[in-house]
Each structure stands twice: as C-alpha cells, then as structure tokens.
Amino acid sequence: MQNDEELFWQEMRDVTPMARASRVRSTAGERSRDASLQERRAAAVTEKAKDDSLLSDRDDIEGLDPWYVLDFKRPGVQNGVFRKLKQGRYEVEAVLDLHRMTVEVARREIDAFIKDSQVLGLRSVMVVHGK
C-alpha cells in the first residue's frame, strides 16, 4: 500500500500552476487614503485613551437601593483580613473626597487616585462620596 505522499504526487503530476496576472499600482486617490489613514490612527489613539479608564460609562447598569451593601473579595484574601477591612480596622493610607466634583472630574480623579495608590504600594485607601 502506498503512503499518502506518493498518492498525492500521483494525483498532482499533470497539474500546472496558474499564470499570475501582473499587478499595477495605482496612485490615484493616494492622498485621500493617507488622510483617511491618519484619521483612523488618531481615532485609534483616542479610543485607546478611553479604554485605559478603570471606570465604565455604561448606561445599562441598573441602580441599587442606597442601603444595599456592596462588597467584593478576590480569591486568596483571607476572611479575617476581609472582615477587618470592612470594619475599618486597618489604617487608611490615603483619602479622596469627591464632594463638590462633577461626574467627569470625579471619574478622572478616581482613576488617577487608584493608579497612584497602586504605584505607591498603598494597601488601604478611602474614597468619600455621596451625602
């Protein structure tokens, strides 16, 4: 019995490659393509800057009751550490007060505050918000 490669070459022995058509490079519309390319690059950079934010602008998220308690614990965080954090038993290393800020300014400030806190290695920070 013949192997697959021999069978393949038997079937392909009378096949001839297709002739390639010559390609012509057109310079018509090159300026408009360059302008379009620059616009797309600028848009990509702008969109990238938007994606760097830690906060979202989603309008489809439903609001919660003001008394609803939100909490989140990453896997690996000990229950005792999480409980002490919720009880405020760790020293707060930095505070950001959002009172009298517009939503846009507050978003920028929170984003910068969290990034700066990570760079400085702060482990317990507080964001004061609402009334």
C-alpha atoms as a PDB file:
ATOM      1  CA  MET A   1       0.000   0.000   0.000  1.00  0.00           C
ATOM      2  CA  GLN A   2       1.325   3.440  -0.932  1.00  0.00           C
ATOM      3  CA  ASN A   3       1.727   6.187   1.597  1.00  0.00           C
ATOM      4  CA  ASP A   4      -0.233   9.443   1.423  1.00  0.00           C
ATOM      5  CA  GLU A   5       2.588  11.500  -0.031  1.00  0.00           C
ATOM      6  CA  GLU A   6       3.065   9.162  -3.003  1.00  0.00           C
ATOM      7  CA  LEU A   7      -0.673   9.167  -3.687  1.00  0.00           C
ATOM      8  CA  PHE A   8      -0.725  12.954  -3.522  1.00  0.00           C
ATOM      9  CA  TRP A   9       2.093  13.329  -6.060  1.00  0.00           C
ATOM     10  CA  GLN A  10       0.482  10.794  -8.405  1.00  0.00           C
ATOM     11  CA  GLU A  11      -2.686  12.875  -8.453  1.00  0.00           C
ATOM     12  CA  MET A  12      -0.792  16.140  -8.876  1.00  0.00           C
ATOM     13  CA  ARG A  13       1.626  15.076 -11.658  1.00  0.00           C
ATOM     14  CA  ASP A  14      -0.355  16.647 -14.535  1.00  0.00           C
ATOM     15  CA  VAL A  15      -1.345  19.835 -12.661  1.00  0.00           C
ATOM     16  CA  THR A  16       0.227  23.066 -13.896  1.00  0.00           C
ATOM     17  CA  PRO A  17       0.383  26.285 -11.855  1.00  0.00           C
ATOM     18  CA  MET A  18      -1.940  29.111 -12.849  1.00  0.00           C
ATOM     19  CA  ALA A  19      -0.374  32.095 -14.576  1.00  0.00           C
ATOM     20  CA  ARG A  20      -0.105  35.205 -12.420  1.00  0.00           C
ATOM     21  CA  ALA A  21      -1.592  38.407 -13.715  1.00  0.00           C
ATOM     22  CA  SER A  22       0.677  41.423 -13.498  1.00  0.00           C
ATOM     23  CA  ARG A  23      -0.301  43.893 -10.818  1.00  0.00           C
ATOM     24  CA  VAL A  24      -0.350  47.612 -11.426  1.00  0.00           C
ATOM     25  CA  ARG A  25      -0.010  50.070  -8.578  1.00  0.00           C
ATOM     26  CA  SER A  26      -2.413  52.952  -8.899  1.00  0.00           C
ATOM     27  CA  THR A  27      -1.515  56.348  -7.434  1.00  0.00           C
ATOM     28  CA  ALA A  28      -4.994  57.802  -7.924  1.00  0.00           C
ATOM     29  CA  GLY A  29      -6.610  58.618  -4.598  1.00  0.00           C
ATOM     30  CA  GLU A  30      -3.377  58.135  -2.660  1.00  0.00           C
ATOM     31  CA  ARG A  31      -3.770  61.469  -0.887  1.00  0.00           C
ATOM     32  CA  SER A  32      -7.266  60.618   0.317  1.00  0.00           C
ATOM     33  CA  ARG A  33      -6.017  57.252   1.592  1.00  0.00           C
ATOM     34  CA  ASP A  34      -3.216  58.987   3.514  1.00  0.00           C
ATOM     35  CA  ALA A  35      -5.689  61.394   5.119  1.00  0.00           C
ATOM     36  CA  SER A  36      -8.025  58.528   5.918  1.00  0.00           C
ATOM     37  CA  LEU A  37      -5.164  56.552   7.420  1.00  0.00           C
ATOM     38  CA  GLN A  38      -4.183  59.477   9.639  1.00  0.00           C
ATOM     39  CA  GLU A  39      -7.790  59.903  10.794  1.00  0.00           C
ATOM     40  CA  ARG A  40      -8.045  56.203  11.641  1.00  0.00           C
ATOM     41  CA  ARG A  41      -4.768  56.325  13.552  1.00  0.00           C
ATOM     42  CA  ALA A  42      -5.922  59.378  15.522  1.00  0.00           C
ATOM     43  CA  ALA A  43      -9.224  57.647  16.321  1.00  0.00           C
ATOM     44  CA  ALA A  44      -7.397  54.515  17.448  1.00  0.00           C
ATOM     45  CA  VAL A  45      -5.222  56.537  19.815  1.00  0.00           C
ATOM     46  CA  THR A  46      -8.275  58.368  21.165  1.00  0.00           C
ATOM     47  CA  GLU A  47     -10.169  55.119  21.713  1.00  0.00           C
ATOM     48  CA  LYS A  48      -7.132  53.630  23.449  1.00  0.00           C
ATOM     49  CA  ALA A  49      -7.091  56.541  25.868  1.00  0.00           C
ATOM     50  CA  LYS A  50     -10.768  55.919  26.670  1.00  0.00           C
ATOM     51  CA  ASP A  51     -10.134  52.216  27.312  1.00  0.00           C
ATOM     52  CA  ASP A  52      -7.438  52.961  29.910  1.00  0.00           C
ATOM     53  CA  SER A  53     -10.041  54.181  32.387  1.00  0.00           C
ATOM     54  CA  LEU A  54     -10.903  51.890  35.274  1.00  0.00           C
ATOM     55  CA  LEU A  55     -14.498  53.122  35.243  1.00  0.00           C
ATOM     56  CA  SER A  56     -17.210  52.490  32.685  1.00  0.00           C
ATOM     57  CA  ASP A  57     -19.806  54.780  31.126  1.00  0.00           C
ATOM     58  CA  ARG A  58     -22.410  52.073  30.741  1.00  0.00           C
ATOM     59  CA  ASP A  59     -25.975  53.310  30.965  1.00  0.00           C
ATOM     60  CA  ASP A  60     -27.490  49.820  31.038  1.00  0.00           C
ATOM     61  CA  ILE A  61     -26.473  49.158  34.660  1.00  0.00           C
ATOM     62  CA  GLU A  62     -29.440  49.402  36.972  1.00  0.00           C
ATOM     63  CA  GLY A  63     -29.124  51.360  40.186  1.00  0.00           C
ATOM     64  CA  LEU A  64     -29.318  49.667  43.570  1.00  0.00           C
ATOM     65  CA  ASP A  65     -31.080  50.563  46.774  1.00  0.00           C
ATOM     66  CA  PRO A  66     -28.925  53.064  48.714  1.00  0.00           C
ATOM     67  CA  TRP A  67     -28.788  50.731  51.712  1.00  0.00           C
ATOM     68  CA  TYR A  68     -27.594  47.746  49.678  1.00  0.00           C
ATOM     69  CA  VAL A  69     -24.099  46.751  50.814  1.00  0.00           C
ATOM     70  CA  LEU A  70     -21.650  46.024  48.014  1.00  0.00           C
ATOM     71  CA  ASP A  71     -18.513  44.076  48.715  1.00  0.00           C
ATOM     72  CA  PHE A  72     -16.005  42.069  46.730  1.00  0.00           C
ATOM     73  CA  LYS A  73     -13.226  39.762  47.815  1.00  0.00           C
ATOM     74  CA  ARG A  74     -10.605  38.355  45.473  1.00  0.00           C
ATOM     75  CA  PRO A  75      -9.831  34.667  45.743  1.00  0.00           C
ATOM     76  CA  GLY A  76      -6.961  34.168  48.175  1.00  0.00           C
ATOM     77  CA  VAL A  77      -7.872  37.043  50.503  1.00  0.00           C
ATOM     78  CA  GLN A  78      -8.365  35.639  53.983  1.00  0.00           C
ATOM     79  CA  ASN A  79     -11.791  36.012  55.576  1.00  0.00           C
ATOM     80  CA  GLY A  80     -10.325  37.668  58.686  1.00  0.00           C
ATOM     81  CA  VAL A  81      -8.479  40.259  56.606  1.00  0.00           C
ATOM     82  CA  PHE A  82     -11.636  40.966  54.620  1.00  0.00           C
ATOM     83  CA  ARG A  83     -13.734  41.299  57.791  1.00  0.00           C
ATOM     84  CA  LYS A  84     -11.233  43.730  59.373  1.00  0.00           C
ATOM     85  CA  LEU A  85     -11.155  45.780  56.182  1.00  0.00           C
ATOM     86  CA  LYS A  86     -14.963  46.025  56.160  1.00  0.00           C
ATOM     87  CA  GLN A  87     -14.951  47.037  59.821  1.00  0.00           C
ATOM     88  CA  GLY A  88     -12.421  49.799  59.172  1.00  0.00           C
ATOM     89  CA  ARG A  89      -9.788  48.259  61.418  1.00  0.00           C
ATOM     90  CA  TYR A  90      -6.912  48.973  59.021  1.00  0.00           C
ATOM     91  CA  GLU A  91      -5.245  52.367  58.930  1.00  0.00           C
ATOM     92  CA  VAL A  92      -6.324  54.362  55.883  1.00  0.00           C
ATOM     93  CA  GLU A  93      -3.211  55.400  53.976  1.00  0.00           C
ATOM     94  CA  ALA A  94      -4.864  57.867  51.566  1.00  0.00           C
ATOM     95  CA  VAL A  95      -8.258  59.557  51.200  1.00  0.00           C
ATOM     96  CA  LEU A  96     -10.003  61.016  48.160  1.00  0.00           C
ATOM     97  CA  ASP A  97     -13.026  63.241  48.809  1.00  0.00           C
ATOM     98  CA  LEU A  98     -15.361  63.540  45.808  1.00  0.00           C
ATOM     99  CA  HIS A  99     -17.726  66.118  47.296  1.00  0.00           C
ATOM    100  CA  ARG A 100     -18.469  69.109  45.026  1.00  0.00           C
ATOM    101  CA  MET A 101     -16.961  67.370  41.972  1.00  0.00           C
ATOM    102  CA  THR A 102     -18.787  66.840  38.709  1.00  0.00           C
ATOM    103  CA  VAL A 103     -19.147  63.266  37.467  1.00  0.00           C
ATOM    104  CA  GLU A 104     -16.477  63.777  34.799  1.00  0.00           C
ATOM    105  CA  VAL A 105     -13.975  65.293  37.223  1.00  0.00           C
ATOM    106  CA  ALA A 106     -14.725  62.623  39.837  1.00  0.00           C
ATOM    107  CA  ARG A 107     -14.114  59.847  37.295  1.00  0.00           C
ATOM    108  CA  ARG A 108     -10.739  61.315  36.348  1.00  0.00           C
ATOM    109  CA  GLU A 109      -9.788  61.817  39.992  1.00  0.00           C
ATOM    110  CA  ILE A 110     -10.761  58.262  40.993  1.00  0.00           C
ATOM    111  CA  ASP A 111      -8.851  56.819  38.059  1.00  0.00           C
ATOM    112  CA  ALA A 112      -5.712  58.822  38.895  1.00  0.00           C
ATOM    113  CA  PHE A 113      -6.089  58.136  42.641  1.00  0.00           C
ATOM    114  CA  ILE A 114      -6.283  54.364  42.180  1.00  0.00           C
ATOM    115  CA  LYS A 115      -3.366  54.289  39.747  1.00  0.00           C
ATOM    116  CA  ASP A 116      -1.224  56.475  42.029  1.00  0.00           C
ATOM    117  CA  SER A 117      -2.131  54.314  45.030  1.00  0.00           C
ATOM    118  CA  GLN A 118      -1.037  51.195  43.181  1.00  0.00           C
ATOM    119  CA  VAL A 119       2.263  52.801  42.153  1.00  0.00           C
ATOM    120  CA  LEU A 120       2.930  53.891  45.739  1.00  0.00           C
ATOM    121  CA  GLY A 121       2.017  50.443  47.069  1.00  0.00           C
ATOM    122  CA  LEU A 122      -0.816  51.708  49.269  1.00  0.00           C
ATOM    123  CA  ARG A 123      -2.993  48.883  50.530  1.00  0.00           C
ATOM    124  CA  SER A 124      -5.848  50.709  52.259  1.00  0.00           C
ATOM    125  CA  VAL A 125      -7.391  53.791  50.668  1.00  0.00           C
ATOM    126  CA  MET A 126     -10.747  55.501  51.133  1.00  0.00           C
ATOM    127  CA  VAL A 127     -12.985  57.256  48.626  1.00  0.00           C
ATOM    128  CA  VAL A 128     -15.511  59.601  50.249  1.00  0.00           C
ATOM    129  CA  HIS A 129     -18.617  60.092  48.114  1.00  0.00           C
ATOM    130  CA  GLY A 130     -22.311  60.889  48.308  1.00  0.00           C
ATOM    131  CA  LYS A 131     -24.172  62.737  51.009  1.00  0.00           C
END
